[in-house]
Amino acid sequence: MAWNAPPSATVLRQFSCVPHLLVCLPENALPDWSDDAILQAALSCVQFSGVNVLENVLPNQTLWLIPPAHSAHLRDFFGERHMVWQTPPVEQKPVLAEKMWFRQPEMAAPQHVIVVGAGIAGAATAHALAQRGVRVTVVDAAARVANAASGNRQGLLYAKISPHNTPQTELLLSGYGYARRLLANVLPERETWGASGVLHINHDKAETARNALLAQDDFHAHLYRGVTAAQASELAGVPVAQGGLFWAQGCWLNPLAWVEQLLSHQYIDLKLNCHLISAQHDGENWQMRTSQGAFSGSHIVFCTGASSRHAPIVGELPFQIIRGQTSVVRETAFSGSLKTALSGASYIAPAWGGWHTFGATFLPNNDDDTWRNSDELANQNELANLNPQLHQSFAFSGSLKGHAALRCDAHDHLPVVGALGNSTAMRQVYAKLALDKNYRLNAPCPHYPNAFVNTAHGSRGLATAPICGAYVAAMICGAPLPLSRRLQNALNPNRLIIRQIVRSSS
């Protein structure tokens, strides 16, 4: 069912047997569902940059809230599905032709999906598939889930966005709302996360200017708002010397607890200490050889993070590696007053279990994931810049060692998500792009059969990996897609191979 403007909450609830309810928003304003507490509460993280996918707010239904920028492009999300409009329909713009390597391949219905990687990307992808009734096996070489980049004791969930309408801004805002709702759904009790907000401080001139521009977006005031130093200090519970941008629904969380809960589904089989050695398609299924024996699946999804470089198939893609290390320090009488997470060039979370997590270092092109004292000292120095009073209150000697891990990134700092093209075959099919990047080529893209990737989330995986997992699951299951065509193309893994072909002539 579809509407060109928000119907009343009463009208929405009349369509309890319809799996998808689509509401086009005529302006950047929230619907008034104040007479329905559940629906009104669901609007807290709605944004107007990308689509909003609200799952199970209404029982067994998905509510789609489409901002004006996307309401004339519904085929991006729903393809050629027939829509039953309860109002005059929104006129749709024609779908423009796109490059062959961006076109989605045909695929078989999923029988059993192998997900490689048990971090936040793998867990979210597996969960989204299992929620659709698909049997999933998750394999990971580590002894526990969330062992690598998802292994920080406390991470922050908010969206560090640009004030400009970039693909990254659209992804971060869409992903933040989706992840925030998913977190509350799977972990309704808050022993392992805190929804006290995130305060992004004006720590330099560039951030001050960026935050000032964002604060002018009145239509997003329910998501973030500008605050003075005095207001920031009141929100934080400790003195803050600068103003900034306050994300009211932002939160800190323990990623391990979230990942474990996402994977605790009856349709998910988790296999740890299971190193993937090879993956080959036999014409019908993927045959996986691992350290624990052989597995077979109709589809495969690589959610391998920094280990993507050494993984079969996905290792053909050019990734960048970034070393990061967080730190942990015991709570003090003063730091116990910290009510909201502080973020700037570094971050610190409110105390959990008597300890604060802070950091993190950011060292590109460094593949050493061992703990370093130099990084510990760097984190302490950044904490002194972020909040001198907190820094002075801590006794760092005897602190626990923080978490060191490698992040995976792409050249454009966007995730790598979607159906995998065969890079060797693509280099042959599209070789003429090396001579002219605008050369018209109509050859279909040679994709691997039923193979996908969800990786390269950098330091933003808590916000971006869940919605990308939902996107991959929707592709596999032939369901409506939660990402716009712009994002589908911007994240497409084939972009990396095409870039290499084009740049090979220079």
Protein backbone atom coordinates (compact mmCIF):
# COMPACT_ATOMS: atom_id res chain seq x y z
CA MET A 1 0.00 0.00 0.00
CA ALA A 2 1.24 3.48 -0.82
CA TRP A 3 0.34 7.05 0.13
CA ASN A 4 1.54 10.37 -1.29
CA ALA A 5 1.36 11.93 2.19
CA PRO A 6 1.27 10.50 5.71
CA PRO A 7 -2.09 8.92 6.58
CA SER A 8 -3.29 8.81 10.14
CA ALA A 9 -1.95 6.12 12.44
CA THR A 10 -5.43 4.63 12.52
CA VAL A 11 -5.47 4.24 8.74
CA LEU A 12 -2.02 2.62 8.72
CA ARG A 13 -3.08 0.03 11.26
CA GLN A 14 -6.04 -0.97 9.11
CA PHE A 15 -3.66 -2.66 6.66
CA SER A 16 -2.25 -5.22 9.08
CA CYS A 17 -2.01 -7.95 6.43
CA VAL A 18 0.09 -5.94 3.97
CA PRO A 19 3.85 -6.63 4.35
CA HIS A 20 5.04 -3.24 3.04
CA LEU A 21 3.48 0.15 3.76
CA LEU A 22 4.95 3.00 1.74
CA VAL A 23 4.51 6.64 2.78
CA CYS A 24 5.93 9.42 0.61
CA LEU A 25 6.67 12.53 2.65
CA PRO A 26 5.70 15.69 0.74
CA GLU A 27 8.19 17.78 2.71
CA ASN A 28 11.09 17.36 5.11
CA ALA A 29 8.85 17.06 8.13
CA LEU A 30 7.88 14.20 10.43
CA PRO A 31 4.35 12.77 10.31
CA ASP A 32 2.06 13.60 13.21
CA TRP A 33 1.30 10.25 14.80
CA SER A 34 1.10 11.63 18.31
CA ASP A 35 -2.08 9.65 18.96
CA ASP A 36 -0.11 6.40 18.55
CA ALA A 37 2.78 6.09 21.01
CA ILE A 38 4.53 3.25 19.13
CA LEU A 39 4.49 4.94 15.75
CA GLN A 40 5.43 8.32 17.19
CA ALA A 41 8.41 6.82 19.03
CA ALA A 42 9.57 5.16 15.81
CA LEU A 43 10.10 8.59 14.23
CA SER A 44 12.98 9.55 16.55
CA CYS A 45 15.72 8.61 14.04
CA VAL A 46 13.86 9.30 10.78
CA GLN A 47 15.95 11.39 8.37
CA PHE A 48 15.40 13.10 5.03
CA SER A 49 18.57 12.22 3.12
CA GLY A 50 17.74 8.60 2.29
CA VAL A 51 14.81 6.26 2.72
CA ASN A 52 13.75 5.13 6.18
CA VAL A 53 13.09 1.41 6.59
CA LEU A 54 11.15 0.80 9.81
CA GLU A 55 10.91 -2.94 10.38
CA ASN A 56 8.38 -4.49 12.77
CA VAL A 57 7.22 -1.17 14.19
CA LEU A 58 3.90 -2.54 13.06
CA PRO A 59 3.79 -6.34 13.63
CA ASN A 60 5.33 -8.31 10.74
CA GLN A 61 5.32 -5.24 8.51
CA THR A 62 7.89 -2.88 7.06
CA LEU A 63 7.01 0.81 7.04
CA TRP A 64 8.85 2.83 4.40
CA LEU A 65 9.08 6.59 4.89
CA ILE A 66 10.33 8.16 1.66
CA PRO A 67 11.63 11.76 1.78
CA PRO A 68 10.85 14.14 -1.09
CA ALA A 69 14.25 13.64 -2.74
CA HIS A 70 13.41 9.98 -3.42
CA SER A 71 9.63 9.84 -3.84
CA ALA A 72 9.85 10.12 -7.64
CA HIS A 73 12.41 7.29 -7.80
CA LEU A 74 10.53 4.43 -6.15
CA ARG A 75 11.77 1.94 -8.76
CA ASP A 76 15.22 2.27 -7.15
CA PHE A 77 13.82 0.44 -4.17
CA PHE A 78 10.81 -1.53 -5.42
CA GLY A 79 11.70 -2.27 -9.03
CA GLU A 80 8.65 -2.94 -11.17
CA ARG A 81 6.45 -4.16 -8.31
CA HIS A 82 2.84 -3.10 -8.56
CA MET A 83 1.85 -0.53 -5.97
CA VAL A 84 -1.65 -0.06 -4.72
CA TRP A 85 -2.01 3.67 -4.08
CA GLN A 86 -4.52 4.86 -1.51
CA THR A 87 -4.06 8.40 -2.79
CA PRO A 88 -3.19 9.85 -6.20
CA PRO A 89 0.20 8.30 -7.01
CA VAL A 90 3.43 10.24 -6.99
CA GLU A 91 4.58 10.70 -10.59
CA GLN A 92 7.70 8.66 -11.23
CA LYS A 93 10.72 9.77 -13.22
CA PRO A 94 12.12 7.43 -15.85
CA VAL A 95 14.93 5.11 -14.84
CA LEU A 96 18.13 6.21 -16.53
CA ALA A 97 20.40 3.72 -18.23
CA GLU A 98 23.39 2.75 -16.13
CA LYS A 99 26.78 1.21 -16.77
CA MET A 100 26.71 -2.52 -17.39
CA TRP A 101 28.94 -3.27 -14.42
CA PHE A 102 26.40 -1.62 -12.10
CA ARG A 103 23.49 -3.76 -13.26
CA GLN A 104 22.40 -6.43 -10.82
CA PRO A 105 22.89 -10.01 -12.01
CA GLU A 106 20.17 -12.61 -12.09
CA MET A 107 20.40 -15.05 -9.24
CA ALA A 108 18.81 -18.20 -7.91
CA ALA A 109 16.55 -18.32 -4.88
CA PRO A 110 18.62 -18.83 -1.72
CA GLN A 111 18.68 -22.26 -0.14
CA HIS A 112 21.64 -21.95 2.20
CA VAL A 113 23.90 -18.89 2.45
CA ILE A 114 27.50 -19.00 3.68
CA VAL A 115 28.55 -15.76 5.39
CA VAL A 116 32.30 -15.40 5.88
CA GLY A 117 33.11 -13.20 8.87
CA ALA A 118 31.50 -12.78 12.28
CA GLY A 119 31.98 -9.08 12.91
CA ILE A 120 29.19 -6.51 12.77
CA ALA A 121 28.93 -6.77 8.94
CA GLY A 122 28.69 -10.56 8.95
CA ALA A 123 26.33 -10.69 11.92
CA ALA A 124 23.99 -8.05 10.47
CA THR A 125 23.95 -9.75 7.06
CA ALA A 126 23.29 -13.18 8.57
CA HIS A 127 20.56 -11.77 10.82
CA ALA A 128 18.82 -10.03 7.91
CA LEU A 129 18.85 -13.27 5.92
CA ALA A 130 17.65 -15.37 8.86
CA GLN A 131 14.81 -12.95 9.51
CA ARG A 132 13.64 -13.75 5.97
CA GLY A 133 13.67 -17.47 6.73
CA VAL A 134 16.97 -18.26 4.99
CA ARG A 135 19.31 -20.83 6.51
CA VAL A 136 22.76 -19.31 7.13
CA THR A 137 26.15 -20.68 8.15
CA VAL A 138 28.58 -18.08 9.49
CA VAL A 139 32.26 -19.04 9.47
CA ASP A 140 35.08 -17.11 11.12
CA ALA A 141 38.74 -17.96 11.63
CA ALA A 142 38.83 -16.39 15.10
CA ALA A 143 37.97 -18.07 18.39
CA ARG A 144 35.17 -15.59 19.13
CA VAL A 145 32.86 -13.27 17.25
CA ALA A 146 33.62 -9.53 16.90
CA ASN A 147 37.30 -10.31 17.22
CA ALA A 148 38.76 -7.77 14.79
CA ALA A 149 37.57 -4.23 13.97
CA SER A 150 34.27 -4.90 15.80
CA GLY A 151 36.13 -5.85 18.98
CA ASN A 152 36.30 -2.55 20.86
CA ARG A 153 34.92 -2.66 24.38
CA GLN A 154 32.76 0.40 23.64
CA GLY A 155 32.01 1.98 20.30
CA LEU A 156 29.89 4.99 19.39
CA LEU A 157 26.81 4.89 17.19
CA TYR A 158 26.12 8.22 15.52
CA ALA A 159 26.77 9.72 12.09
CA LYS A 160 29.71 12.01 11.44
CA ILE A 161 28.32 13.58 8.28
CA SER A 162 29.06 16.34 5.83
CA PRO A 163 26.58 19.23 5.49
CA HIS A 164 26.54 18.50 1.76
CA ASN A 165 24.39 15.98 -0.09
CA THR A 166 27.05 13.37 -0.75
CA PRO A 167 26.57 9.61 -1.08
CA GLN A 168 28.43 9.19 2.21
CA THR A 169 26.05 11.56 4.00
CA GLU A 170 23.04 9.70 2.60
CA LEU A 171 24.49 6.34 3.63
CA LEU A 172 25.47 7.48 7.12
CA LEU A 173 22.10 9.05 7.91
CA SER A 174 20.13 6.14 6.46
CA GLY A 175 22.41 3.64 8.17
CA TYR A 176 22.42 5.42 11.51
CA GLY A 177 18.64 5.34 11.81
CA TYR A 178 18.46 1.72 10.65
CA ALA A 179 21.21 0.61 13.04
CA ARG A 180 19.76 2.54 15.97
CA ARG A 181 16.36 0.87 15.51
CA LEU A 182 17.96 -2.56 15.05
CA LEU A 183 19.99 -2.15 18.23
CA ALA A 184 16.91 -1.31 20.26
CA ASN A 185 15.01 -4.24 18.73
CA VAL A 186 17.59 -6.96 19.38
CA LEU A 187 18.90 -5.56 22.69
CA PRO A 188 15.86 -3.98 24.35
CA GLU A 189 17.56 -4.16 27.76
CA ARG A 190 20.40 -1.67 28.06
CA GLU A 191 22.99 -3.51 30.12
CA THR A 192 25.46 -3.33 27.22
CA TRP A 193 24.61 0.02 25.64
CA GLY A 194 23.60 3.49 26.70
CA ALA A 195 21.34 5.92 24.85
CA SER A 196 22.55 9.12 26.49
CA GLY A 197 23.60 10.82 23.26
CA VAL A 198 26.87 11.70 21.54
CA LEU A 199 28.37 15.17 21.72
CA HIS A 200 30.60 15.98 18.75
CA ILE A 201 32.79 18.86 19.86
CA ASN A 202 34.05 21.78 17.77
CA HIS A 203 37.68 20.70 18.16
CA ASP A 204 39.07 22.72 15.24
CA LYS A 205 38.04 25.37 12.70
CA ALA A 206 36.88 22.86 10.10
CA GLU A 207 34.66 20.99 12.56
CA THR A 208 33.27 24.24 13.93
CA ALA A 209 32.26 25.34 10.43
CA ARG A 210 30.85 21.92 9.56
CA ASN A 211 28.81 21.66 12.74
CA ALA A 212 27.49 25.20 12.28
CA LEU A 213 26.19 24.35 8.81
CA LEU A 214 24.58 21.14 10.03
CA ALA A 215 22.92 22.96 12.91
CA GLN A 216 21.06 25.09 10.36
CA ASP A 217 19.15 22.01 9.17
CA ASP A 218 16.07 22.60 11.30
CA PHE A 219 14.30 19.61 9.76
CA HIS A 220 16.91 17.34 11.38
CA ALA A 221 16.77 19.01 14.80
CA HIS A 222 15.29 15.83 16.29
CA LEU A 223 18.49 14.03 15.22
CA TYR A 224 21.17 16.60 15.97
CA ARG A 225 21.33 20.19 17.12
CA GLY A 226 23.98 22.80 17.76
CA VAL A 227 24.93 23.48 21.38
CA THR A 228 27.05 26.09 23.13
CA ALA A 229 29.89 25.22 25.50
CA ALA A 230 27.58 25.83 28.46
CA GLN A 231 24.89 23.60 26.99
CA ALA A 232 27.47 20.96 26.12
CA SER A 233 28.76 20.98 29.69
CA GLU A 234 25.25 20.51 31.06
CA LEU A 235 24.58 17.64 28.69
CA ALA A 236 27.93 15.97 29.35
CA GLY A 237 27.91 16.33 33.12
CA VAL A 238 31.54 17.54 33.01
CA PRO A 239 33.01 20.88 31.86
CA VAL A 240 33.33 21.16 28.09
CA ALA A 241 35.28 24.09 26.68
CA GLN A 242 33.71 24.16 23.21
CA GLY A 243 30.26 23.91 21.74
CA GLY A 244 29.39 21.36 19.13
CA LEU A 245 26.69 19.16 17.66
CA PHE A 246 24.61 16.96 19.94
CA TRP A 247 23.15 13.71 18.63
CA ALA A 248 20.30 13.11 21.07
CA GLN A 249 19.70 9.45 20.12
CA GLY A 250 23.40 8.64 19.70
CA CYS A 251 24.73 5.96 21.99
CA TRP A 252 27.71 3.97 23.16
CA LEU A 253 27.52 0.21 22.90
CA ASN A 254 29.48 -2.98 23.40
CA PRO A 255 29.77 -4.35 19.83
CA LEU A 256 30.42 -7.90 21.05
CA ALA A 257 27.04 -8.06 22.80
CA TRP A 258 25.27 -6.75 19.70
CA VAL A 259 27.01 -9.18 17.37
CA GLU A 260 26.29 -12.13 19.68
CA GLN A 261 22.62 -11.23 19.81
CA LEU A 262 22.35 -10.77 16.05
CA LEU A 263 23.82 -14.23 15.56
CA SER A 264 21.60 -15.94 18.12
CA HIS A 265 18.93 -16.92 15.60
CA GLN A 266 17.48 -20.36 14.99
CA TYR A 267 18.39 -20.20 11.29
CA ILE A 268 22.05 -19.26 11.92
CA ASP A 269 24.77 -21.86 12.45
CA LEU A 270 27.99 -20.27 13.76
CA LYS A 271 31.35 -21.97 13.22
CA LEU A 272 34.37 -20.39 14.91
CA ASN A 273 38.04 -21.34 14.52
CA CYS A 274 36.98 -22.07 10.96
CA HIS A 275 39.47 -20.68 8.45
CA LEU A 276 38.26 -20.44 4.84
CA ILE A 277 40.87 -22.00 2.55
CA SER A 278 39.12 -21.93 -0.83
CA ALA A 279 35.76 -21.25 -2.43
CA GLN A 280 34.70 -22.59 -5.80
CA HIS A 281 31.38 -22.72 -7.62
CA ASP A 282 30.59 -26.11 -9.13
CA GLY A 283 27.81 -24.89 -11.42
CA GLU A 284 25.11 -25.30 -8.80
CA ASN A 285 26.53 -24.39 -5.38
CA TRP A 286 29.53 -22.85 -3.71
CA GLN A 287 31.92 -25.45 -2.33
CA MET A 288 33.90 -24.15 0.64
CA ARG A 289 37.04 -25.84 1.93
CA THR A 290 37.81 -24.80 5.50
CA SER A 291 39.95 -25.86 8.42
CA GLN A 292 36.87 -27.63 9.78
CA GLY A 293 36.00 -29.50 6.61
CA ALA A 294 33.87 -28.76 3.57
CA PHE A 295 30.68 -26.70 3.39
CA SER A 296 28.25 -26.13 0.57
CA GLY A 297 25.95 -23.17 0.01
CA SER A 298 23.81 -21.73 -2.76
CA HIS A 299 25.15 -18.23 -2.05
CA ILE A 300 28.22 -16.75 -0.40
CA VAL A 301 28.71 -13.34 1.25
CA PHE A 302 32.18 -12.08 2.20
CA CYS A 303 32.10 -9.89 5.32
CA THR A 304 35.78 -10.27 5.95
CA GLY A 305 36.99 -6.79 6.89
CA ALA A 306 40.76 -6.39 6.82
CA SER A 307 41.22 -10.11 6.17
CA SER A 308 39.54 -9.57 2.79
CA ARG A 309 43.02 -9.09 1.34
CA HIS A 310 43.79 -12.77 1.95
CA ALA A 311 40.32 -14.24 1.34
CA PRO A 312 39.40 -16.19 -1.79
CA ILE A 313 37.72 -14.17 -4.58
CA VAL A 314 37.23 -10.94 -2.62
CA GLY A 315 41.01 -10.71 -2.20
CA GLU A 316 41.13 -9.68 -5.86
CA LEU A 317 39.75 -6.26 -4.90
CA PRO A 318 42.07 -3.36 -3.97
CA PHE A 319 41.55 -2.50 -0.32
CA GLN A 320 43.31 -0.13 2.04
CA ILE A 321 44.21 -1.13 5.59
CA ILE A 322 44.09 1.22 8.57
CA ARG A 323 45.46 0.33 11.97
CA GLY A 324 43.45 1.44 15.01
CA GLN A 325 43.86 1.03 18.75
CA THR A 326 41.55 2.02 21.57
CA SER A 327 42.37 2.39 25.25
CA VAL A 328 40.63 1.58 28.53
CA VAL A 329 40.91 3.42 31.85
CA ARG A 330 39.30 2.93 35.23
CA GLU A 331 36.42 5.23 36.21
CA THR A 332 37.09 7.94 38.79
CA ALA A 333 34.78 9.94 41.01
CA PHE A 334 35.02 12.83 38.54
CA SER A 335 34.69 10.77 35.34
CA GLY A 336 31.66 9.01 36.76
CA SER A 337 29.78 12.25 36.12
CA LEU A 338 30.23 11.88 32.36
CA LYS A 339 26.72 11.31 31.03
CA THR A 340 27.18 11.45 27.27
CA ALA A 341 29.89 10.26 24.92
CA LEU A 342 32.35 12.93 23.77
CA SER A 343 33.74 12.87 20.25
CA GLY A 344 36.18 15.05 18.36
CA ALA A 345 39.55 14.05 16.97
CA SER A 346 39.16 11.18 19.45
CA TYR A 347 36.34 9.93 21.70
CA ILE A 348 35.55 8.77 25.19
CA ALA A 349 32.45 6.84 26.27
CA PRO A 350 30.69 7.06 29.63
CA ALA A 351 31.83 4.44 32.12
CA TRP A 352 30.54 0.89 31.71
CA GLY A 353 31.34 -1.67 34.38
CA GLY A 354 33.73 0.78 36.04
CA TRP A 355 35.82 1.46 32.92
CA HIS A 356 35.88 4.03 30.11
CA THR A 357 36.91 3.26 26.53
CA PHE A 358 38.68 6.05 24.66
CA GLY A 359 40.73 6.54 21.49
CA ALA A 360 41.30 5.72 18.74
CA THR A 361 44.45 5.85 16.66
CA PHE A 362 44.22 5.98 12.88
CA LEU A 363 47.28 4.78 10.96
CA PRO A 364 46.75 4.15 7.22
CA ASN A 365 48.73 1.49 5.39
CA ASN A 366 49.79 -0.22 8.60
CA ASP A 367 48.92 -3.90 8.96
CA ASP A 368 50.30 -4.50 12.46
CA ASP A 369 47.44 -5.44 14.79
CA THR A 370 49.52 -5.95 17.94
CA TRP A 371 49.00 -3.66 20.94
CA ARG A 372 51.48 -0.78 21.11
CA ASN A 373 52.45 1.42 24.02
CA SER A 374 53.07 4.28 21.57
CA ASP A 375 49.42 4.15 20.49
CA GLU A 376 48.36 4.06 24.14
CA LEU A 377 50.29 7.28 24.76
CA ALA A 378 48.85 8.82 21.58
CA ASN A 379 45.32 8.08 22.82
CA GLN A 380 46.10 9.65 26.19
CA ASN A 381 47.43 12.78 24.49
CA GLU A 382 44.32 13.05 22.31
CA LEU A 383 42.12 12.61 25.39
CA ALA A 384 43.97 15.55 27.00
CA ASN A 385 43.06 17.64 23.95
CA LEU A 386 39.47 16.42 23.95
CA ASN A 387 38.83 17.09 27.65
CA PRO A 388 41.74 18.10 29.92
CA GLN A 389 39.71 17.69 33.13
CA LEU A 390 38.85 14.09 32.37
CA HIS A 391 42.43 13.36 31.40
CA GLN A 392 43.73 14.82 34.65
CA SER A 393 41.31 12.75 36.71
CA PHE A 394 42.64 9.41 35.46
CA ALA A 395 45.48 7.30 36.80
CA PHE A 396 46.59 5.55 33.64
CA SER A 397 49.11 3.24 35.28
CA GLY A 398 47.64 -0.20 35.76
CA SER A 399 44.92 0.33 33.16
CA LEU A 400 43.69 -2.54 31.04
CA LYS A 401 45.13 -2.91 27.58
CA GLY A 402 42.82 -1.62 24.88
CA HIS A 403 41.98 -3.26 21.57
CA ALA A 404 44.20 -3.10 18.49
CA ALA A 405 42.80 -4.13 15.13
CA LEU A 406 42.88 -3.42 11.42
CA ARG A 407 40.11 -1.60 9.59
CA CYS A 408 39.32 -2.16 5.93
CA ASP A 409 38.71 0.84 3.67
CA ALA A 410 38.34 1.74 -0.01
CA HIS A 411 39.96 4.60 -1.90
CA ASP A 412 36.81 6.73 -1.70
CA HIS A 413 36.07 5.84 1.94
CA LEU A 414 32.77 4.21 1.01
CA PRO A 415 31.95 0.59 1.89
CA VAL A 416 32.23 -2.14 -0.71
CA VAL A 417 28.83 -3.83 -0.92
CA GLY A 418 26.96 -5.81 -3.55
CA ALA A 419 27.28 -8.56 -6.14
CA LEU A 420 30.85 -9.55 -7.00
CA GLY A 421 32.10 -9.31 -10.56
CA ASN A 422 34.84 -11.65 -11.72
CA SER A 423 37.75 -9.20 -11.78
CA THR A 424 39.85 -11.23 -14.24
CA ALA A 425 37.00 -11.50 -16.71
CA MET A 426 36.03 -7.84 -16.20
CA ARG A 427 39.54 -6.73 -17.14
CA GLN A 428 39.14 -8.53 -20.44
CA VAL A 429 35.56 -7.48 -21.16
CA TYR A 430 36.13 -3.81 -20.32
CA ALA A 431 39.78 -3.49 -21.39
CA LYS A 432 39.01 -0.62 -23.80
CA LEU A 433 38.22 1.64 -20.84
CA ALA A 434 41.98 1.88 -20.36
CA LEU A 435 42.11 3.77 -23.66
CA ASP A 436 38.98 5.87 -23.12
CA LYS A 437 37.08 5.85 -19.83
CA ASN A 438 33.95 6.96 -21.71
CA TYR A 439 34.14 4.17 -24.29
CA ARG A 440 30.65 2.74 -24.79
CA LEU A 441 30.57 -0.91 -23.80
CA ASN A 442 27.39 -2.95 -23.70
CA ALA A 443 28.78 -6.34 -22.74
CA PRO A 444 27.08 -7.79 -19.63
CA CYS A 445 29.25 -7.80 -16.54
CA PRO A 446 30.74 -11.25 -15.81
CA HIS A 447 29.62 -11.74 -12.21
CA TYR A 448 30.51 -14.63 -9.98
CA PRO A 449 27.31 -16.65 -9.51
CA ASN A 450 25.45 -15.75 -6.30
CA ALA A 451 28.50 -14.14 -4.65
CA PHE A 452 28.35 -10.93 -2.60
CA VAL A 453 30.45 -8.74 -0.35
CA ASN A 454 29.78 -6.42 2.59
CA THR A 455 33.04 -4.92 3.81
CA ALA A 456 35.35 -1.85 3.89
CA HIS A 457 33.32 0.07 6.48
CA GLY A 458 36.42 1.72 7.92
CA SER A 459 35.69 3.22 11.33
CA ARG A 460 31.96 3.69 10.61
CA GLY A 461 30.81 0.08 10.59
CA LEU A 462 28.41 0.36 13.52
CA ALA A 463 26.38 2.85 11.48
CA THR A 464 26.83 1.50 7.95
CA ALA A 465 27.25 -2.29 8.15
CA PRO A 466 23.70 -3.16 9.32
CA ILE A 467 21.85 -1.39 6.50
CA CYS A 468 24.36 -2.77 4.00
CA GLY A 469 23.67 -6.24 5.41
CA ALA A 470 19.96 -5.62 4.93
CA TYR A 471 20.66 -4.51 1.34
CA VAL A 472 22.62 -7.67 0.53
CA ALA A 473 19.93 -9.85 2.12
CA ALA A 474 17.24 -8.06 0.10
CA MET A 475 19.22 -8.59 -3.12
CA ILE A 476 19.61 -12.29 -2.41
CA CYS A 477 15.94 -12.72 -1.53
CA GLY A 478 14.55 -10.54 -4.33
CA ALA A 479 12.98 -8.14 -1.82
CA PRO A 480 12.67 -4.32 -1.94
CA LEU A 481 16.06 -2.66 -1.53
CA PRO A 482 16.79 -0.18 1.30
CA LEU A 483 19.38 1.84 -0.68
CA SER A 484 18.85 4.34 -3.49
CA ARG A 485 20.26 3.72 -6.96
CA ARG A 486 22.91 6.33 -6.26
CA LEU A 487 24.11 4.36 -3.24
CA GLN A 488 23.78 1.00 -4.97
CA ASN A 489 26.23 2.24 -7.61
CA ALA A 490 28.47 4.15 -5.21
CA LEU A 491 29.02 1.05 -3.05
CA ASN A 492 29.18 -1.49 -5.89
CA PRO A 493 32.38 -3.56 -5.63
CA ASN A 494 32.83 -3.48 -9.41
CA ARG A 495 33.67 0.23 -9.18
CA LEU A 496 37.07 -0.73 -7.78
CA ILE A 497 37.94 -2.94 -10.74
CA ILE A 498 36.72 -0.38 -13.29
CA ARG A 499 38.85 2.27 -11.57
CA GLN A 500 41.89 0.04 -11.86
CA ILE A 501 41.23 -0.56 -15.56
CA VAL A 502 40.81 3.16 -16.26
CA ARG A 503 43.89 4.11 -14.29
CA SER A 504 46.04 1.39 -15.89
CA SER A 505 46.71 3.66 -18.87
CA SER A 506 48.18 6.47 -16.76
